[in-house]
Amino acid sequence: MLREIDERFNITTPLGDCLDDPRRASHLRHTYVDLIRQRVYQMAAGYEDCNDANHLRIDPALRLALGKDEEYAASQSMLSRLENEILGNEKGLAALNETLQRSIDALLRKKAKSKLIIDLDSTEDPAHGKQEGVAYNGHFEKNCYHPLFCFTSEGDCLGVKLREGNVHSAWSRSWNVTGIGSSGSGFVRTPLLANRRSMITARQTVSPILSG
């Protein structure tokens, strides 16, 4: 089912055109798209930890979804390198964002709404190490990241921005959110937003906000 959804909305395949693979093709067992699919499918199935790949790589259902009937999927070490070395840099993040925007555009075109209500909200993402950006948040009383999310009123995710753990809920340095409505996260208490919710009439109005 995950593979069918992926192919129907063309979610992961375009990443192959956005990421340069310096490895020799003759030595490849898993393309970047293969690795990204495996990571996404594992998380969608409830396996968030990369370590889960070490036993899931032999799972028949996962191998079938990845089109690897005759070979194992990737190991934890390969998925970790993907996240840290390939996707964890500026180019990798830009490729992921472009892929998200492409799927969002397709969804909004299908719904064909002339007006769109969006909600901005934040949450805590607990961390248990000294990763870059992790900080103590007095509101949540824990060390964490403090990501900002943008949803439609129907629950469709339009964008996500990872922020340091000690950032105020309504603070967003690179998202121009003036005039866009919010249902939480303290935005109604700041000059960033004048109204609790407001309607926007064009997708072009949303895109600069999400692209950072």
Protein backbone atom coordinates (compact mmCIF):
# COMPACT_ATOMS: atom_id res chain seq x y z
CA MET A 1 0.00 0.00 0.00
CA LEU A 2 2.82 2.42 0.86
CA ARG A 3 4.48 1.78 -2.50
CA GLU A 4 1.18 2.34 -4.32
CA ILE A 5 0.67 5.69 -2.57
CA ASP A 6 4.28 6.64 -3.26
CA GLU A 7 3.98 5.86 -6.96
CA ARG A 8 0.53 7.42 -7.33
CA PHE A 9 1.67 10.78 -5.96
CA ASN A 10 5.23 10.47 -7.28
CA ILE A 11 6.73 11.30 -3.90
CA THR A 12 10.17 9.71 -3.64
CA THR A 13 11.18 9.07 -7.27
CA PRO A 14 11.97 12.76 -8.11
CA LEU A 15 14.59 12.79 -5.35
CA GLY A 16 16.81 10.79 -7.68
CA ASP A 17 17.04 13.84 -9.96
CA CYS A 18 17.79 16.22 -7.08
CA LEU A 19 20.69 14.33 -5.49
CA ASP A 20 24.05 13.69 -7.13
CA ASP A 21 25.33 10.18 -6.49
CA PRO A 22 29.15 10.04 -6.80
CA ARG A 23 29.27 6.27 -6.32
CA ARG A 24 30.13 3.95 -9.17
CA ALA A 25 26.98 2.51 -10.70
CA SER A 26 28.62 -0.91 -11.05
CA HIS A 27 29.13 -1.06 -7.28
CA LEU A 28 25.65 0.05 -6.25
CA ARG A 29 23.28 -2.26 -4.41
CA HIS A 30 20.93 0.50 -3.24
CA THR A 31 20.30 3.80 -5.00
CA TYR A 32 19.56 6.95 -3.01
CA VAL A 33 15.90 6.57 -3.94
CA ASP A 34 15.97 2.98 -2.64
CA LEU A 35 17.42 4.15 0.67
CA ILE A 36 14.98 7.03 1.03
CA ARG A 37 12.04 4.78 0.27
CA GLN A 38 13.19 2.27 2.85
CA ARG A 39 13.57 4.97 5.51
CA VAL A 40 10.17 6.49 4.71
CA TYR A 41 8.37 3.15 4.57
CA GLN A 42 9.90 2.04 7.87
CA MET A 43 8.81 5.22 9.63
CA ALA A 44 5.33 5.02 8.11
CA ALA A 45 5.06 1.49 9.53
CA GLY A 46 6.02 2.73 13.01
CA TYR A 47 9.75 1.92 12.97
CA GLU A 48 11.34 5.32 13.59
CA ASP A 49 14.77 4.13 14.72
CA CYS A 50 17.39 3.42 12.06
CA ASN A 51 18.48 0.43 14.12
CA ASP A 52 15.24 -1.30 13.15
CA ALA A 53 16.63 -1.70 9.64
CA ASN A 54 18.97 -4.45 10.78
CA HIS A 55 16.09 -6.88 11.26
CA LEU A 56 13.56 -5.32 8.88
CA ARG A 57 15.95 -5.58 5.92
CA ILE A 58 15.07 -9.27 5.60
CA ASP A 59 11.32 -8.73 6.04
CA PRO A 60 9.48 -10.06 2.96
CA ALA A 61 6.85 -7.30 3.01
CA LEU A 62 9.42 -4.51 3.10
CA ARG A 63 11.54 -6.14 0.41
CA LEU A 64 8.46 -6.50 -1.79
CA ALA A 65 7.55 -2.83 -1.30
CA LEU A 66 11.11 -1.85 -2.23
CA GLY A 67 11.19 -4.14 -5.25
CA LYS A 68 13.99 -6.24 -3.75
CA ASP A 69 12.50 -9.72 -3.90
CA GLU A 70 15.86 -11.40 -4.42
CA GLU A 71 18.05 -9.35 -2.06
CA TYR A 72 18.02 -7.74 1.36
CA ALA A 73 17.21 -4.10 1.97
CA ALA A 74 19.80 -1.68 3.40
CA SER A 75 21.33 -1.94 6.84
CA GLN A 76 21.22 0.60 9.68
CA SER A 77 24.69 1.92 8.84
CA MET A 78 23.70 2.75 5.27
CA LEU A 79 20.51 4.55 6.35
CA SER A 80 22.47 6.52 8.96
CA ARG A 81 24.97 7.64 6.32
CA LEU A 82 22.06 8.65 4.12
CA GLU A 83 20.59 10.87 6.84
CA ASN A 84 23.87 12.38 8.06
CA GLU A 85 25.95 12.71 4.90
CA ILE A 86 23.46 12.93 2.03
CA LEU A 87 20.24 14.45 3.36
CA GLY A 88 21.69 16.29 6.35
CA ASN A 89 23.28 19.08 4.33
CA GLU A 90 21.89 22.12 2.55
CA LYS A 91 21.45 20.39 -0.80
CA GLY A 92 19.80 17.34 0.72
CA LEU A 93 17.37 19.41 2.74
CA ALA A 94 16.51 21.47 -0.35
CA ALA A 95 15.78 18.25 -2.26
CA LEU A 96 13.49 17.00 0.49
CA ASN A 97 11.68 20.33 0.63
CA GLU A 98 11.22 20.36 -3.14
CA THR A 99 9.74 16.87 -3.01
CA LEU A 100 7.34 17.89 -0.25
CA GLN A 101 6.29 20.99 -2.17
CA ARG A 102 5.64 18.94 -5.31
CA SER A 103 3.32 16.56 -3.47
CA ILE A 104 1.58 19.48 -1.73
CA ASP A 105 0.99 21.27 -5.04
CA ALA A 106 -0.52 18.12 -6.54
CA LEU A 107 -2.82 17.70 -3.54
CA LEU A 108 -4.01 21.31 -3.58
CA ARG A 109 -4.61 21.23 -7.33
CA LYS A 110 -6.72 18.11 -6.88
CA LYS A 111 -8.82 19.76 -4.18
CA ALA A 112 -9.11 22.90 -6.34
CA LYS A 113 -10.06 25.28 -3.55
CA SER A 114 -10.14 28.99 -4.22
CA LYS A 115 -9.47 29.80 -0.55
CA LEU A 116 -7.19 28.11 1.94
CA ILE A 117 -7.15 28.35 5.72
CA ILE A 118 -3.82 27.51 7.29
CA ASP A 119 -2.79 26.84 10.88
CA LEU A 120 0.68 27.35 12.34
CA ASP A 121 1.59 25.37 15.41
CA SER A 122 4.66 24.03 17.17
CA THR A 123 5.52 21.03 19.30
CA GLU A 124 8.48 19.56 21.14
CA ASP A 125 10.77 16.91 19.69
CA PRO A 126 12.63 15.47 22.71
CA ALA A 127 16.34 14.80 22.36
CA HIS A 128 18.66 12.88 24.66
CA GLY A 129 22.09 13.96 23.48
CA LYS A 130 24.10 17.04 22.55
CA GLN A 131 22.95 17.30 18.95
CA GLU A 132 23.31 20.67 17.24
CA GLY A 133 20.28 22.84 18.01
CA VAL A 134 19.11 20.88 21.05
CA ALA A 135 18.38 23.16 24.03
CA TYR A 136 16.32 23.23 27.20
CA ASN A 137 12.80 24.56 26.72
CA GLY A 138 11.23 26.03 29.87
CA HIS A 139 7.67 25.52 28.65
CA PHE A 140 8.09 21.84 27.86
CA GLU A 141 10.63 21.37 30.69
CA LYS A 142 12.94 19.17 28.63
CA ASN A 143 15.83 19.24 26.18
CA CYS A 144 14.38 19.21 22.70
CA TYR A 145 14.01 20.71 19.28
CA HIS A 146 11.04 23.03 18.80
CA PRO A 147 9.78 22.53 15.22
CA LEU A 148 7.14 24.71 13.60
CA PHE A 149 4.40 23.11 11.50
CA CYS A 150 2.05 24.54 8.90
CA PHE A 151 -1.22 22.70 8.19
CA THR A 152 -4.36 23.35 6.26
CA SER A 153 -7.59 23.40 8.26
CA GLU A 154 -8.19 19.86 6.95
CA GLY A 155 -4.96 18.56 8.45
CA ASP A 156 -2.75 18.47 5.34
CA CYS A 157 0.86 19.29 6.21
CA LEU A 158 2.14 22.17 4.07
CA GLY A 159 5.56 22.57 5.65
CA VAL A 160 7.81 21.99 8.63
CA LYS A 161 10.72 24.03 9.96
CA LEU A 162 13.17 22.57 12.45
CA ARG A 163 14.11 25.11 15.14
CA GLU A 164 16.37 25.21 18.18
CA GLY A 165 14.82 23.95 21.38
CA ASN A 166 14.84 27.31 23.19
CA VAL A 167 13.10 29.27 20.42
CA HIS A 168 9.82 30.95 21.41
CA SER A 169 6.73 29.34 19.89
CA ALA A 170 5.88 32.33 17.70
CA TRP A 171 9.42 33.15 16.57
CA SER A 172 10.33 32.33 12.98
CA ARG A 173 13.36 34.04 11.53
CA SER A 174 13.06 32.89 7.92
CA TRP A 175 9.34 32.31 7.46
CA ASN A 176 7.46 35.41 6.40
CA VAL A 177 4.20 34.74 8.22
CA THR A 178 2.76 38.27 8.27
CA GLY A 179 -0.97 38.16 7.64
CA ILE A 180 -1.30 34.40 7.89
CA GLY A 181 -3.62 32.99 10.52
CA SER A 182 -2.80 30.66 13.38
CA SER A 183 -4.70 28.54 15.85
CA GLY A 184 -1.99 28.29 18.47
CA SER A 185 1.68 28.51 19.43
CA GLY A 186 1.43 32.06 20.74
CA PHE A 187 1.23 33.70 17.30
CA VAL A 188 -1.80 35.71 18.31
CA ARG A 189 0.33 37.41 20.96
CA THR A 190 2.94 38.73 18.56
CA PRO A 191 3.10 41.31 15.75
CA LEU A 192 3.79 38.46 13.32
CA LEU A 193 0.11 37.75 12.95
CA ALA A 194 -2.73 40.19 13.17
CA ASN A 195 -5.56 37.68 13.12
CA ARG A 196 -6.18 34.25 14.63
CA ARG A 197 -7.14 32.91 11.21
CA SER A 198 -7.29 34.48 7.82
CA MET A 199 -8.09 33.16 4.37
CA ILE A 200 -5.63 33.30 1.52
CA THR A 201 -6.71 32.95 -2.07
CA ALA A 202 -3.69 31.69 -3.99
CA ARG A 203 -1.10 28.95 -3.68
CA GLN A 204 1.56 31.48 -4.66
CA THR A 205 0.89 33.28 -1.40
CA VAL A 206 1.78 30.18 0.59
CA SER A 207 4.88 29.08 -1.29
CA PRO A 208 7.35 31.73 0.02
CA ILE A 209 6.35 30.89 3.57
CA LEU A 210 7.09 27.22 3.14
CA SER A 211 10.27 27.55 1.13
CA GLY A 212 12.05 29.39 3.93
